[in-house]
Amino acid sequence: MITHMLSSGEDPLWSFIYSNATAVAKTMGDGPYGTISRAQINEIADVLASRIIKS
């Protein structure tokens, strides 16, 4: 996921957050073969983004 996002020109920090949110959603869900919604990924990404300390 992170490779795809970076190659698409996305911000590196957002790419890191979103790819980790995807991994979290897959881990919490039905494993690698289950489906997850974009809304679920976005919700997790928002929580992760709010916890990052920016200086």
Protein backbone atom coordinates (compact mmCIF):
# COMPACT_ATOMS: atom_id res chain seq x y z
CA MET A 1 0.00 0.00 0.00
CA ILE A 2 2.72 2.48 0.92
CA THR A 3 4.61 1.77 -2.31
CA HIS A 4 1.48 2.36 -4.37
CA MET A 5 0.68 5.61 -2.59
CA LEU A 6 4.22 6.97 -2.83
CA SER A 7 4.42 6.07 -6.53
CA SER A 8 1.13 7.94 -7.02
CA GLY A 9 2.70 11.08 -5.60
CA GLU A 10 1.00 11.07 -2.22
CA ASP A 11 2.52 12.77 0.81
CA PRO A 12 4.99 10.40 2.53
CA LEU A 13 3.49 10.94 5.99
CA TRP A 14 -0.07 10.33 4.77
CA SER A 15 1.12 7.27 2.83
CA PHE A 16 2.64 5.86 6.03
CA ILE A 17 -0.51 6.57 8.04
CA TYR A 18 -2.89 5.15 5.46
CA SER A 19 -0.89 1.99 4.84
CA ASN A 20 -0.71 1.33 8.56
CA ALA A 21 -4.45 1.95 8.90
CA THR A 22 -5.04 -0.61 6.17
CA ALA A 23 -2.88 -3.15 8.01
CA VAL A 24 -4.72 -2.47 11.28
CA ALA A 25 -8.11 -2.90 9.58
CA LYS A 26 -7.02 -6.20 8.01
CA THR A 27 -5.64 -7.45 11.33
CA MET A 28 -8.83 -6.52 13.20
CA GLY A 29 -11.08 -7.98 10.51
CA ASP A 30 -11.33 -11.32 8.78
CA GLY A 31 -7.67 -11.63 7.96
CA PRO A 32 -6.10 -11.28 4.54
CA TYR A 33 -9.10 -12.71 2.70
CA GLY A 34 -11.85 -10.62 4.26
CA THR A 35 -13.05 -7.33 2.90
CA ILE A 36 -12.71 -3.96 4.59
CA SER A 37 -14.41 -0.72 3.76
CA ARG A 38 -12.70 2.51 2.82
CA ALA A 39 -14.71 4.21 5.59
CA GLN A 40 -13.17 1.87 8.15
CA ILE A 41 -9.67 2.58 6.86
CA ASN A 42 -10.32 6.33 6.88
CA GLU A 43 -11.61 6.18 10.47
CA ILE A 44 -8.48 4.36 11.65
CA ALA A 45 -6.24 6.69 9.62
CA ASP A 46 -7.84 9.73 11.27
CA VAL A 47 -7.12 8.31 14.73
CA LEU A 48 -3.54 7.50 13.80
CA ALA A 49 -3.01 10.94 12.24
CA SER A 50 -4.34 12.65 15.38
CA ARG A 51 -1.73 10.83 17.47
CA ILE A 52 1.29 11.90 15.44
CA ILE A 53 3.34 14.65 17.05
CA LYS A 54 4.29 17.27 14.48
CA SER A 55 7.00 19.76 15.26
